[in-house]
Amino acid sequence: RRAGIHCIHGQLMLGVNALSAPLF
């Protein structure tokens, strides 16, 4: 909530990173 964005590094798939943002 503070950042307005979220990232993961290799959590869902090894070697794959992701950035996500909400749409309101």
PDBML (XML) file of the C-alpha atoms, coordinates in Angstrom:
<?xml version="1.0" encoding="UTF-8" ?>
<PDBx:datablock datablockName="MODEL"
   xmlns:PDBx="http://pdbml.pdb.org/schema/pdbx-v50.xsd"
   xmlns:xsi="http://www.w3.org/2001/XMLSchema-instance"
   xsi:schemaLocation="http://pdbml.pdb.org/schema/pdbx-v50.xsd pdbx-v50.xsd">
   <PDBx:atom_siteCategory>
      <PDBx:atom_site id="1">
         <PDBx:B_iso_or_equiv>0.00</PDBx:B_iso_or_equiv>
         <PDBx:Cartn_x>0.000</PDBx:Cartn_x>
         <PDBx:Cartn_y>0.000</PDBx:Cartn_y>
         <PDBx:Cartn_z>0.000</PDBx:Cartn_z>
         <PDBx:auth_asym_id>A</PDBx:auth_asym_id>
         <PDBx:auth_atom_id>CA</PDBx:auth_atom_id>
         <PDBx:auth_comp_id>ARG</PDBx:auth_comp_id>
         <PDBx:auth_seq_id>1</PDBx:auth_seq_id>
         <PDBx:group_PDB>ATOM</PDBx:group_PDB>
         <PDBx:label_alt_id xsi:nil="true" />
         <PDBx:label_asym_id>A</PDBx:label_asym_id>
         <PDBx:label_atom_id>CA</PDBx:label_atom_id>
         <PDBx:label_comp_id>ARG</PDBx:label_comp_id>
         <PDBx:label_entity_id>1</PDBx:label_entity_id>
         <PDBx:label_seq_id>1</PDBx:label_seq_id>
         <PDBx:occupancy>1.00</PDBx:occupancy>
         <PDBx:pdbx_PDB_model_num>1</PDBx:pdbx_PDB_model_num>
         <PDBx:type_symbol>C</PDBx:type_symbol>
      </PDBx:atom_site>
      <PDBx:atom_site id="2">
         <PDBx:B_iso_or_equiv>0.00</PDBx:B_iso_or_equiv>
         <PDBx:Cartn_x>2.852</PDBx:Cartn_x>
         <PDBx:Cartn_y>2.385</PDBx:Cartn_y>
         <PDBx:Cartn_z>0.797</PDBx:Cartn_z>
         <PDBx:auth_asym_id>A</PDBx:auth_asym_id>
         <PDBx:auth_atom_id>CA</PDBx:auth_atom_id>
         <PDBx:auth_comp_id>ARG</PDBx:auth_comp_id>
         <PDBx:auth_seq_id>2</PDBx:auth_seq_id>
         <PDBx:group_PDB>ATOM</PDBx:group_PDB>
         <PDBx:label_alt_id xsi:nil="true" />
         <PDBx:label_asym_id>A</PDBx:label_asym_id>
         <PDBx:label_atom_id>CA</PDBx:label_atom_id>
         <PDBx:label_comp_id>ARG</PDBx:label_comp_id>
         <PDBx:label_entity_id>1</PDBx:label_entity_id>
         <PDBx:label_seq_id>2</PDBx:label_seq_id>
         <PDBx:occupancy>1.00</PDBx:occupancy>
         <PDBx:pdbx_PDB_model_num>1</PDBx:pdbx_PDB_model_num>
         <PDBx:type_symbol>C</PDBx:type_symbol>
      </PDBx:atom_site>
      <PDBx:atom_site id="3">
         <PDBx:B_iso_or_equiv>0.00</PDBx:B_iso_or_equiv>
         <PDBx:Cartn_x>4.775</PDBx:Cartn_x>
         <PDBx:Cartn_y>1.584</PDBx:Cartn_y>
         <PDBx:Cartn_z>-2.395</PDBx:Cartn_z>
         <PDBx:auth_asym_id>A</PDBx:auth_asym_id>
         <PDBx:auth_atom_id>CA</PDBx:auth_atom_id>
         <PDBx:auth_comp_id>ALA</PDBx:auth_comp_id>
         <PDBx:auth_seq_id>3</PDBx:auth_seq_id>
         <PDBx:group_PDB>ATOM</PDBx:group_PDB>
         <PDBx:label_alt_id xsi:nil="true" />
         <PDBx:label_asym_id>A</PDBx:label_asym_id>
         <PDBx:label_atom_id>CA</PDBx:label_atom_id>
         <PDBx:label_comp_id>ALA</PDBx:label_comp_id>
         <PDBx:label_entity_id>1</PDBx:label_entity_id>
         <PDBx:label_seq_id>3</PDBx:label_seq_id>
         <PDBx:occupancy>1.00</PDBx:occupancy>
         <PDBx:pdbx_PDB_model_num>1</PDBx:pdbx_PDB_model_num>
         <PDBx:type_symbol>C</PDBx:type_symbol>
      </PDBx:atom_site>
      <PDBx:atom_site id="4">
         <PDBx:B_iso_or_equiv>0.00</PDBx:B_iso_or_equiv>
         <PDBx:Cartn_x>1.832</PDBx:Cartn_x>
         <PDBx:Cartn_y>1.189</PDBx:Cartn_y>
         <PDBx:Cartn_z>-4.771</PDBx:Cartn_z>
         <PDBx:auth_asym_id>A</PDBx:auth_asym_id>
         <PDBx:auth_atom_id>CA</PDBx:auth_atom_id>
         <PDBx:auth_comp_id>GLY</PDBx:auth_comp_id>
         <PDBx:auth_seq_id>4</PDBx:auth_seq_id>
         <PDBx:group_PDB>ATOM</PDBx:group_PDB>
         <PDBx:label_alt_id xsi:nil="true" />
         <PDBx:label_asym_id>A</PDBx:label_asym_id>
         <PDBx:label_atom_id>CA</PDBx:label_atom_id>
         <PDBx:label_comp_id>GLY</PDBx:label_comp_id>
         <PDBx:label_entity_id>1</PDBx:label_entity_id>
         <PDBx:label_seq_id>4</PDBx:label_seq_id>
         <PDBx:occupancy>1.00</PDBx:occupancy>
         <PDBx:pdbx_PDB_model_num>1</PDBx:pdbx_PDB_model_num>
         <PDBx:type_symbol>C</PDBx:type_symbol>
      </PDBx:atom_site>
      <PDBx:atom_site id="5">
         <PDBx:B_iso_or_equiv>0.00</PDBx:B_iso_or_equiv>
         <PDBx:Cartn_x>3.744</PDBx:Cartn_x>
         <PDBx:Cartn_y>-1.614</PDBx:Cartn_y>
         <PDBx:Cartn_z>-6.485</PDBx:Cartn_z>
         <PDBx:auth_asym_id>A</PDBx:auth_asym_id>
         <PDBx:auth_atom_id>CA</PDBx:auth_atom_id>
         <PDBx:auth_comp_id>ILE</PDBx:auth_comp_id>
         <PDBx:auth_seq_id>5</PDBx:auth_seq_id>
         <PDBx:group_PDB>ATOM</PDBx:group_PDB>
         <PDBx:label_alt_id xsi:nil="true" />
         <PDBx:label_asym_id>A</PDBx:label_asym_id>
         <PDBx:label_atom_id>CA</PDBx:label_atom_id>
         <PDBx:label_comp_id>ILE</PDBx:label_comp_id>
         <PDBx:label_entity_id>1</PDBx:label_entity_id>
         <PDBx:label_seq_id>5</PDBx:label_seq_id>
         <PDBx:occupancy>1.00</PDBx:occupancy>
         <PDBx:pdbx_PDB_model_num>1</PDBx:pdbx_PDB_model_num>
         <PDBx:type_symbol>C</PDBx:type_symbol>
      </PDBx:atom_site>
      <PDBx:atom_site id="6">
         <PDBx:B_iso_or_equiv>0.00</PDBx:B_iso_or_equiv>
         <PDBx:Cartn_x>5.029</PDBx:Cartn_x>
         <PDBx:Cartn_y>-5.098</PDBx:Cartn_y>
         <PDBx:Cartn_z>-5.704</PDBx:Cartn_z>
         <PDBx:auth_asym_id>A</PDBx:auth_asym_id>
         <PDBx:auth_atom_id>CA</PDBx:auth_atom_id>
         <PDBx:auth_comp_id>HIS</PDBx:auth_comp_id>
         <PDBx:auth_seq_id>6</PDBx:auth_seq_id>
         <PDBx:group_PDB>ATOM</PDBx:group_PDB>
         <PDBx:label_alt_id xsi:nil="true" />
         <PDBx:label_asym_id>A</PDBx:label_asym_id>
         <PDBx:label_atom_id>CA</PDBx:label_atom_id>
         <PDBx:label_comp_id>HIS</PDBx:label_comp_id>
         <PDBx:label_entity_id>1</PDBx:label_entity_id>
         <PDBx:label_seq_id>6</PDBx:label_seq_id>
         <PDBx:occupancy>1.00</PDBx:occupancy>
         <PDBx:pdbx_PDB_model_num>1</PDBx:pdbx_PDB_model_num>
         <PDBx:type_symbol>C</PDBx:type_symbol>
      </PDBx:atom_site>
      <PDBx:atom_site id="7">
         <PDBx:B_iso_or_equiv>0.00</PDBx:B_iso_or_equiv>
         <PDBx:Cartn_x>7.950</PDBx:Cartn_x>
         <PDBx:Cartn_y>-7.142</PDBx:Cartn_y>
         <PDBx:Cartn_z>-7.028</PDBx:Cartn_z>
         <PDBx:auth_asym_id>A</PDBx:auth_asym_id>
         <PDBx:auth_atom_id>CA</PDBx:auth_atom_id>
         <PDBx:auth_comp_id>CYS</PDBx:auth_comp_id>
         <PDBx:auth_seq_id>7</PDBx:auth_seq_id>
         <PDBx:group_PDB>ATOM</PDBx:group_PDB>
         <PDBx:label_alt_id xsi:nil="true" />
         <PDBx:label_asym_id>A</PDBx:label_asym_id>
         <PDBx:label_atom_id>CA</PDBx:label_atom_id>
         <PDBx:label_comp_id>CYS</PDBx:label_comp_id>
         <PDBx:label_entity_id>1</PDBx:label_entity_id>
         <PDBx:label_seq_id>7</PDBx:label_seq_id>
         <PDBx:occupancy>1.00</PDBx:occupancy>
         <PDBx:pdbx_PDB_model_num>1</PDBx:pdbx_PDB_model_num>
         <PDBx:type_symbol>C</PDBx:type_symbol>
      </PDBx:atom_site>
      <PDBx:atom_site id="8">
         <PDBx:B_iso_or_equiv>0.00</PDBx:B_iso_or_equiv>
         <PDBx:Cartn_x>9.091</PDBx:Cartn_x>
         <PDBx:Cartn_y>-10.735</PDBx:Cartn_y>
         <PDBx:Cartn_z>-6.773</PDBx:Cartn_z>
         <PDBx:auth_asym_id>A</PDBx:auth_asym_id>
         <PDBx:auth_atom_id>CA</PDBx:auth_atom_id>
         <PDBx:auth_comp_id>ILE</PDBx:auth_comp_id>
         <PDBx:auth_seq_id>8</PDBx:auth_seq_id>
         <PDBx:group_PDB>ATOM</PDBx:group_PDB>
         <PDBx:label_alt_id xsi:nil="true" />
         <PDBx:label_asym_id>A</PDBx:label_asym_id>
         <PDBx:label_atom_id>CA</PDBx:label_atom_id>
         <PDBx:label_comp_id>ILE</PDBx:label_comp_id>
         <PDBx:label_entity_id>1</PDBx:label_entity_id>
         <PDBx:label_seq_id>8</PDBx:label_seq_id>
         <PDBx:occupancy>1.00</PDBx:occupancy>
         <PDBx:pdbx_PDB_model_num>1</PDBx:pdbx_PDB_model_num>
         <PDBx:type_symbol>C</PDBx:type_symbol>
      </PDBx:atom_site>
      <PDBx:atom_site id="9">
         <PDBx:B_iso_or_equiv>0.00</PDBx:B_iso_or_equiv>
         <PDBx:Cartn_x>12.361</PDBx:Cartn_x>
         <PDBx:Cartn_y>-12.332</PDBx:Cartn_y>
         <PDBx:Cartn_z>-7.843</PDBx:Cartn_z>
         <PDBx:auth_asym_id>A</PDBx:auth_asym_id>
         <PDBx:auth_atom_id>CA</PDBx:auth_atom_id>
         <PDBx:auth_comp_id>HIS</PDBx:auth_comp_id>
         <PDBx:auth_seq_id>9</PDBx:auth_seq_id>
         <PDBx:group_PDB>ATOM</PDBx:group_PDB>
         <PDBx:label_alt_id xsi:nil="true" />
         <PDBx:label_asym_id>A</PDBx:label_asym_id>
         <PDBx:label_atom_id>CA</PDBx:label_atom_id>
         <PDBx:label_comp_id>HIS</PDBx:label_comp_id>
         <PDBx:label_entity_id>1</PDBx:label_entity_id>
         <PDBx:label_seq_id>9</PDBx:label_seq_id>
         <PDBx:occupancy>1.00</PDBx:occupancy>
         <PDBx:pdbx_PDB_model_num>1</PDBx:pdbx_PDB_model_num>
         <PDBx:type_symbol>C</PDBx:type_symbol>
      </PDBx:atom_site>
      <PDBx:atom_site id="10">
         <PDBx:B_iso_or_equiv>0.00</PDBx:B_iso_or_equiv>
         <PDBx:Cartn_x>12.246</PDBx:Cartn_x>
         <PDBx:Cartn_y>-15.961</PDBx:Cartn_y>
         <PDBx:Cartn_z>-8.937</PDBx:Cartn_z>
         <PDBx:auth_asym_id>A</PDBx:auth_asym_id>
         <PDBx:auth_atom_id>CA</PDBx:auth_atom_id>
         <PDBx:auth_comp_id>GLY</PDBx:auth_comp_id>
         <PDBx:auth_seq_id>10</PDBx:auth_seq_id>
         <PDBx:group_PDB>ATOM</PDBx:group_PDB>
         <PDBx:label_alt_id xsi:nil="true" />
         <PDBx:label_asym_id>A</PDBx:label_asym_id>
         <PDBx:label_atom_id>CA</PDBx:label_atom_id>
         <PDBx:label_comp_id>GLY</PDBx:label_comp_id>
         <PDBx:label_entity_id>1</PDBx:label_entity_id>
         <PDBx:label_seq_id>10</PDBx:label_seq_id>
         <PDBx:occupancy>1.00</PDBx:occupancy>
         <PDBx:pdbx_PDB_model_num>1</PDBx:pdbx_PDB_model_num>
         <PDBx:type_symbol>C</PDBx:type_symbol>
      </PDBx:atom_site>
      <PDBx:atom_site id="11">
         <PDBx:B_iso_or_equiv>0.00</PDBx:B_iso_or_equiv>
         <PDBx:Cartn_x>9.450</PDBx:Cartn_x>
         <PDBx:Cartn_y>-16.786</PDBx:Cartn_y>
         <PDBx:Cartn_z>-6.504</PDBx:Cartn_z>
         <PDBx:auth_asym_id>A</PDBx:auth_asym_id>
         <PDBx:auth_atom_id>CA</PDBx:auth_atom_id>
         <PDBx:auth_comp_id>GLN</PDBx:auth_comp_id>
         <PDBx:auth_seq_id>11</PDBx:auth_seq_id>
         <PDBx:group_PDB>ATOM</PDBx:group_PDB>
         <PDBx:label_alt_id xsi:nil="true" />
         <PDBx:label_asym_id>A</PDBx:label_asym_id>
         <PDBx:label_atom_id>CA</PDBx:label_atom_id>
         <PDBx:label_comp_id>GLN</PDBx:label_comp_id>
         <PDBx:label_entity_id>1</PDBx:label_entity_id>
         <PDBx:label_seq_id>11</PDBx:label_seq_id>
         <PDBx:occupancy>1.00</PDBx:occupancy>
         <PDBx:pdbx_PDB_model_num>1</PDBx:pdbx_PDB_model_num>
         <PDBx:type_symbol>C</PDBx:type_symbol>
      </PDBx:atom_site>
      <PDBx:atom_site id="12">
         <PDBx:B_iso_or_equiv>0.00</PDBx:B_iso_or_equiv>
         <PDBx:Cartn_x>6.834</PDBx:Cartn_x>
         <PDBx:Cartn_y>-18.100</PDBx:Cartn_y>
         <PDBx:Cartn_z>-8.904</PDBx:Cartn_z>
         <PDBx:auth_asym_id>A</PDBx:auth_asym_id>
         <PDBx:auth_atom_id>CA</PDBx:auth_atom_id>
         <PDBx:auth_comp_id>LEU</PDBx:auth_comp_id>
         <PDBx:auth_seq_id>12</PDBx:auth_seq_id>
         <PDBx:group_PDB>ATOM</PDBx:group_PDB>
         <PDBx:label_alt_id xsi:nil="true" />
         <PDBx:label_asym_id>A</PDBx:label_asym_id>
         <PDBx:label_atom_id>CA</PDBx:label_atom_id>
         <PDBx:label_comp_id>LEU</PDBx:label_comp_id>
         <PDBx:label_entity_id>1</PDBx:label_entity_id>
         <PDBx:label_seq_id>12</PDBx:label_seq_id>
         <PDBx:occupancy>1.00</PDBx:occupancy>
         <PDBx:pdbx_PDB_model_num>1</PDBx:pdbx_PDB_model_num>
         <PDBx:type_symbol>C</PDBx:type_symbol>
      </PDBx:atom_site>
      <PDBx:atom_site id="13">
         <PDBx:B_iso_or_equiv>0.00</PDBx:B_iso_or_equiv>
         <PDBx:Cartn_x>9.310</PDBx:Cartn_x>
         <PDBx:Cartn_y>-19.351</PDBx:Cartn_y>
         <PDBx:Cartn_z>-11.524</PDBx:Cartn_z>
         <PDBx:auth_asym_id>A</PDBx:auth_asym_id>
         <PDBx:auth_atom_id>CA</PDBx:auth_atom_id>
         <PDBx:auth_comp_id>MET</PDBx:auth_comp_id>
         <PDBx:auth_seq_id>13</PDBx:auth_seq_id>
         <PDBx:group_PDB>ATOM</PDBx:group_PDB>
         <PDBx:label_alt_id xsi:nil="true" />
         <PDBx:label_asym_id>A</PDBx:label_asym_id>
         <PDBx:label_atom_id>CA</PDBx:label_atom_id>
         <PDBx:label_comp_id>MET</PDBx:label_comp_id>
         <PDBx:label_entity_id>1</PDBx:label_entity_id>
         <PDBx:label_seq_id>13</PDBx:label_seq_id>
         <PDBx:occupancy>1.00</PDBx:occupancy>
         <PDBx:pdbx_PDB_model_num>1</PDBx:pdbx_PDB_model_num>
         <PDBx:type_symbol>C</PDBx:type_symbol>
      </PDBx:atom_site>
      <PDBx:atom_site id="14">
         <PDBx:B_iso_or_equiv>0.00</PDBx:B_iso_or_equiv>
         <PDBx:Cartn_x>13.073</PDBx:Cartn_x>
         <PDBx:Cartn_y>-19.703</PDBx:Cartn_y>
         <PDBx:Cartn_z>-11.149</PDBx:Cartn_z>
         <PDBx:auth_asym_id>A</PDBx:auth_asym_id>
         <PDBx:auth_atom_id>CA</PDBx:auth_atom_id>
         <PDBx:auth_comp_id>LEU</PDBx:auth_comp_id>
         <PDBx:auth_seq_id>14</PDBx:auth_seq_id>
         <PDBx:group_PDB>ATOM</PDBx:group_PDB>
         <PDBx:label_alt_id xsi:nil="true" />
         <PDBx:label_asym_id>A</PDBx:label_asym_id>
         <PDBx:label_atom_id>CA</PDBx:label_atom_id>
         <PDBx:label_comp_id>LEU</PDBx:label_comp_id>
         <PDBx:label_entity_id>1</PDBx:label_entity_id>
         <PDBx:label_seq_id>14</PDBx:label_seq_id>
         <PDBx:occupancy>1.00</PDBx:occupancy>
         <PDBx:pdbx_PDB_model_num>1</PDBx:pdbx_PDB_model_num>
         <PDBx:type_symbol>C</PDBx:type_symbol>
      </PDBx:atom_site>
      <PDBx:atom_site id="15">
         <PDBx:B_iso_or_equiv>0.00</PDBx:B_iso_or_equiv>
         <PDBx:Cartn_x>14.928</PDBx:Cartn_x>
         <PDBx:Cartn_y>-16.975</PDBx:Cartn_y>
         <PDBx:Cartn_z>-13.012</PDBx:Cartn_z>
         <PDBx:auth_asym_id>A</PDBx:auth_asym_id>
         <PDBx:auth_atom_id>CA</PDBx:auth_atom_id>
         <PDBx:auth_comp_id>GLY</PDBx:auth_comp_id>
         <PDBx:auth_seq_id>15</PDBx:auth_seq_id>
         <PDBx:group_PDB>ATOM</PDBx:group_PDB>
         <PDBx:label_alt_id xsi:nil="true" />
         <PDBx:label_asym_id>A</PDBx:label_asym_id>
         <PDBx:label_atom_id>CA</PDBx:label_atom_id>
         <PDBx:label_comp_id>GLY</PDBx:label_comp_id>
         <PDBx:label_entity_id>1</PDBx:label_entity_id>
         <PDBx:label_seq_id>15</PDBx:label_seq_id>
         <PDBx:occupancy>1.00</PDBx:occupancy>
         <PDBx:pdbx_PDB_model_num>1</PDBx:pdbx_PDB_model_num>
         <PDBx:type_symbol>C</PDBx:type_symbol>
      </PDBx:atom_site>
      <PDBx:atom_site id="16">
         <PDBx:B_iso_or_equiv>0.00</PDBx:B_iso_or_equiv>
         <PDBx:Cartn_x>11.793</PDBx:Cartn_x>
         <PDBx:Cartn_y>-14.939</PDBx:Cartn_y>
         <PDBx:Cartn_z>-13.698</PDBx:Cartn_z>
         <PDBx:auth_asym_id>A</PDBx:auth_asym_id>
         <PDBx:auth_atom_id>CA</PDBx:auth_atom_id>
         <PDBx:auth_comp_id>VAL</PDBx:auth_comp_id>
         <PDBx:auth_seq_id>16</PDBx:auth_seq_id>
         <PDBx:group_PDB>ATOM</PDBx:group_PDB>
         <PDBx:label_alt_id xsi:nil="true" />
         <PDBx:label_asym_id>A</PDBx:label_asym_id>
         <PDBx:label_atom_id>CA</PDBx:label_atom_id>
         <PDBx:label_comp_id>VAL</PDBx:label_comp_id>
         <PDBx:label_entity_id>1</PDBx:label_entity_id>
         <PDBx:label_seq_id>16</PDBx:label_seq_id>
         <PDBx:occupancy>1.00</PDBx:occupancy>
         <PDBx:pdbx_PDB_model_num>1</PDBx:pdbx_PDB_model_num>
         <PDBx:type_symbol>C</PDBx:type_symbol>
      </PDBx:atom_site>
      <PDBx:atom_site id="17">
         <PDBx:B_iso_or_equiv>0.00</PDBx:B_iso_or_equiv>
         <PDBx:Cartn_x>11.121</PDBx:Cartn_x>
         <PDBx:Cartn_y>-11.591</PDBx:Cartn_y>
         <PDBx:Cartn_z>-12.018</PDBx:Cartn_z>
         <PDBx:auth_asym_id>A</PDBx:auth_asym_id>
         <PDBx:auth_atom_id>CA</PDBx:auth_atom_id>
         <PDBx:auth_comp_id>ASN</PDBx:auth_comp_id>
         <PDBx:auth_seq_id>17</PDBx:auth_seq_id>
         <PDBx:group_PDB>ATOM</PDBx:group_PDB>
         <PDBx:label_alt_id xsi:nil="true" />
         <PDBx:label_asym_id>A</PDBx:label_asym_id>
         <PDBx:label_atom_id>CA</PDBx:label_atom_id>
         <PDBx:label_comp_id>ASN</PDBx:label_comp_id>
         <PDBx:label_entity_id>1</PDBx:label_entity_id>
         <PDBx:label_seq_id>17</PDBx:label_seq_id>
         <PDBx:occupancy>1.00</PDBx:occupancy>
         <PDBx:pdbx_PDB_model_num>1</PDBx:pdbx_PDB_model_num>
         <PDBx:type_symbol>C</PDBx:type_symbol>
      </PDBx:atom_site>
      <PDBx:atom_site id="18">
         <PDBx:B_iso_or_equiv>0.00</PDBx:B_iso_or_equiv>
         <PDBx:Cartn_x>7.874</PDBx:Cartn_x>
         <PDBx:Cartn_y>-9.633</PDBx:Cartn_y>
         <PDBx:Cartn_z>-11.913</PDBx:Cartn_z>
         <PDBx:auth_asym_id>A</PDBx:auth_asym_id>
         <PDBx:auth_atom_id>CA</PDBx:auth_atom_id>
         <PDBx:auth_comp_id>ALA</PDBx:auth_comp_id>
         <PDBx:auth_seq_id>18</PDBx:auth_seq_id>
         <PDBx:group_PDB>ATOM</PDBx:group_PDB>
         <PDBx:label_alt_id xsi:nil="true" />
         <PDBx:label_asym_id>A</PDBx:label_asym_id>
         <PDBx:label_atom_id>CA</PDBx:label_atom_id>
         <PDBx:label_comp_id>ALA</PDBx:label_comp_id>
         <PDBx:label_entity_id>1</PDBx:label_entity_id>
         <PDBx:label_seq_id>18</PDBx:label_seq_id>
         <PDBx:occupancy>1.00</PDBx:occupancy>
         <PDBx:pdbx_PDB_model_num>1</PDBx:pdbx_PDB_model_num>
         <PDBx:type_symbol>C</PDBx:type_symbol>
      </PDBx:atom_site>
      <PDBx:atom_site id="19">
         <PDBx:B_iso_or_equiv>0.00</PDBx:B_iso_or_equiv>
         <PDBx:Cartn_x>6.539</PDBx:Cartn_x>
         <PDBx:Cartn_y>-6.171</PDBx:Cartn_y>
         <PDBx:Cartn_z>-11.124</PDBx:Cartn_z>
         <PDBx:auth_asym_id>A</PDBx:auth_asym_id>
         <PDBx:auth_atom_id>CA</PDBx:auth_atom_id>
         <PDBx:auth_comp_id>LEU</PDBx:auth_comp_id>
         <PDBx:auth_seq_id>19</PDBx:auth_seq_id>
         <PDBx:group_PDB>ATOM</PDBx:group_PDB>
         <PDBx:label_alt_id xsi:nil="true" />
         <PDBx:label_asym_id>A</PDBx:label_asym_id>
         <PDBx:label_atom_id>CA</PDBx:label_atom_id>
         <PDBx:label_comp_id>LEU</PDBx:label_comp_id>
         <PDBx:label_entity_id>1</PDBx:label_entity_id>
         <PDBx:label_seq_id>19</PDBx:label_seq_id>
         <PDBx:occupancy>1.00</PDBx:occupancy>
         <PDBx:pdbx_PDB_model_num>1</PDBx:pdbx_PDB_model_num>
         <PDBx:type_symbol>C</PDBx:type_symbol>
      </PDBx:atom_site>
      <PDBx:atom_site id="20">
         <PDBx:B_iso_or_equiv>0.00</PDBx:B_iso_or_equiv>
         <PDBx:Cartn_x>2.825</PDBx:Cartn_x>
         <PDBx:Cartn_y>-5.555</PDBx:Cartn_y>
         <PDBx:Cartn_z>-10.515</PDBx:Cartn_z>
         <PDBx:auth_asym_id>A</PDBx:auth_asym_id>
         <PDBx:auth_atom_id>CA</PDBx:auth_atom_id>
         <PDBx:auth_comp_id>SER</PDBx:auth_comp_id>
         <PDBx:auth_seq_id>20</PDBx:auth_seq_id>
         <PDBx:group_PDB>ATOM</PDBx:group_PDB>
         <PDBx:label_alt_id xsi:nil="true" />
         <PDBx:label_asym_id>A</PDBx:label_asym_id>
         <PDBx:label_atom_id>CA</PDBx:label_atom_id>
         <PDBx:label_comp_id>SER</PDBx:label_comp_id>
         <PDBx:label_entity_id>1</PDBx:label_entity_id>
         <PDBx:label_seq_id>20</PDBx:label_seq_id>
         <PDBx:occupancy>1.00</PDBx:occupancy>
         <PDBx:pdbx_PDB_model_num>1</PDBx:pdbx_PDB_model_num>
         <PDBx:type_symbol>C</PDBx:type_symbol>
      </PDBx:atom_site>
      <PDBx:atom_site id="21">
         <PDBx:B_iso_or_equiv>0.00</PDBx:B_iso_or_equiv>
         <PDBx:Cartn_x>0.719</PDBx:Cartn_x>
         <PDBx:Cartn_y>-2.418</PDBx:Cartn_y>
         <PDBx:Cartn_z>-10.028</PDBx:Cartn_z>
         <PDBx:auth_asym_id>A</PDBx:auth_asym_id>
         <PDBx:auth_atom_id>CA</PDBx:auth_atom_id>
         <PDBx:auth_comp_id>ALA</PDBx:auth_comp_id>
         <PDBx:auth_seq_id>21</PDBx:auth_seq_id>
         <PDBx:group_PDB>ATOM</PDBx:group_PDB>
         <PDBx:label_alt_id xsi:nil="true" />
         <PDBx:label_asym_id>A</PDBx:label_asym_id>
         <PDBx:label_atom_id>CA</PDBx:label_atom_id>
         <PDBx:label_comp_id>ALA</PDBx:label_comp_id>
         <PDBx:label_entity_id>1</PDBx:label_entity_id>
         <PDBx:label_seq_id>21</PDBx:label_seq_id>
         <PDBx:occupancy>1.00</PDBx:occupancy>
         <PDBx:pdbx_PDB_model_num>1</PDBx:pdbx_PDB_model_num>
         <PDBx:type_symbol>C</PDBx:type_symbol>
      </PDBx:atom_site>
      <PDBx:atom_site id="22">
         <PDBx:B_iso_or_equiv>0.00</PDBx:B_iso_or_equiv>
         <PDBx:Cartn_x>-2.994</PDBx:Cartn_x>
         <PDBx:Cartn_y>-2.073</PDBx:Cartn_y>
         <PDBx:Cartn_z>-9.138</PDBx:Cartn_z>
         <PDBx:auth_asym_id>A</PDBx:auth_asym_id>
         <PDBx:auth_atom_id>CA</PDBx:auth_atom_id>
         <PDBx:auth_comp_id>PRO</PDBx:auth_comp_id>
         <PDBx:auth_seq_id>22</PDBx:auth_seq_id>
         <PDBx:group_PDB>ATOM</PDBx:group_PDB>
         <PDBx:label_alt_id xsi:nil="true" />
         <PDBx:label_asym_id>A</PDBx:label_asym_id>
         <PDBx:label_atom_id>CA</PDBx:label_atom_id>
         <PDBx:label_comp_id>PRO</PDBx:label_comp_id>
         <PDBx:label_entity_id>1</PDBx:label_entity_id>
         <PDBx:label_seq_id>22</PDBx:label_seq_id>
         <PDBx:occupancy>1.00</PDBx:occupancy>
         <PDBx:pdbx_PDB_model_num>1</PDBx:pdbx_PDB_model_num>
         <PDBx:type_symbol>C</PDBx:type_symbol>
      </PDBx:atom_site>
      <PDBx:atom_site id="23">
         <PDBx:B_iso_or_equiv>0.00</PDBx:B_iso_or_equiv>
         <PDBx:Cartn_x>-5.690</PDBx:Cartn_x>
         <PDBx:Cartn_y>-0.591</PDBx:Cartn_y>
         <PDBx:Cartn_z>-11.366</PDBx:Cartn_z>
         <PDBx:auth_asym_id>A</PDBx:auth_asym_id>
         <PDBx:auth_atom_id>CA</PDBx:auth_atom_id>
         <PDBx:auth_comp_id>LEU</PDBx:auth_comp_id>
         <PDBx:auth_seq_id>23</PDBx:auth_seq_id>
         <PDBx:group_PDB>ATOM</PDBx:group_PDB>
         <PDBx:label_alt_id xsi:nil="true" />
         <PDBx:label_asym_id>A</PDBx:label_asym_id>
         <PDBx:label_atom_id>CA</PDBx:label_atom_id>
         <PDBx:label_comp_id>LEU</PDBx:label_comp_id>
         <PDBx:label_entity_id>1</PDBx:label_entity_id>
         <PDBx:label_seq_id>23</PDBx:label_seq_id>
         <PDBx:occupancy>1.00</PDBx:occupancy>
         <PDBx:pdbx_PDB_model_num>1</PDBx:pdbx_PDB_model_num>
         <PDBx:type_symbol>C</PDBx:type_symbol>
      </PDBx:atom_site>
      <PDBx:atom_site id="24">
         <PDBx:B_iso_or_equiv>0.00</PDBx:B_iso_or_equiv>
         <PDBx:Cartn_x>-8.512</PDBx:Cartn_x>
         <PDBx:Cartn_y>1.204</PDBx:Cartn_y>
         <PDBx:Cartn_z>-9.575</PDBx:Cartn_z>
         <PDBx:auth_asym_id>A</PDBx:auth_asym_id>
         <PDBx:auth_atom_id>CA</PDBx:auth_atom_id>
         <PDBx:auth_comp_id>PHE</PDBx:auth_comp_id>
         <PDBx:auth_seq_id>24</PDBx:auth_seq_id>
         <PDBx:group_PDB>ATOM</PDBx:group_PDB>
         <PDBx:label_alt_id xsi:nil="true" />
         <PDBx:label_asym_id>A</PDBx:label_asym_id>
         <PDBx:label_atom_id>CA</PDBx:label_atom_id>
         <PDBx:label_comp_id>PHE</PDBx:label_comp_id>
         <PDBx:label_entity_id>1</PDBx:label_entity_id>
         <PDBx:label_seq_id>24</PDBx:label_seq_id>
         <PDBx:occupancy>1.00</PDBx:occupancy>
         <PDBx:pdbx_PDB_model_num>1</PDBx:pdbx_PDB_model_num>
         <PDBx:type_symbol>C</PDBx:type_symbol>
      </PDBx:atom_site>
   </PDBx:atom_siteCategory>
</PDBx:datablock>
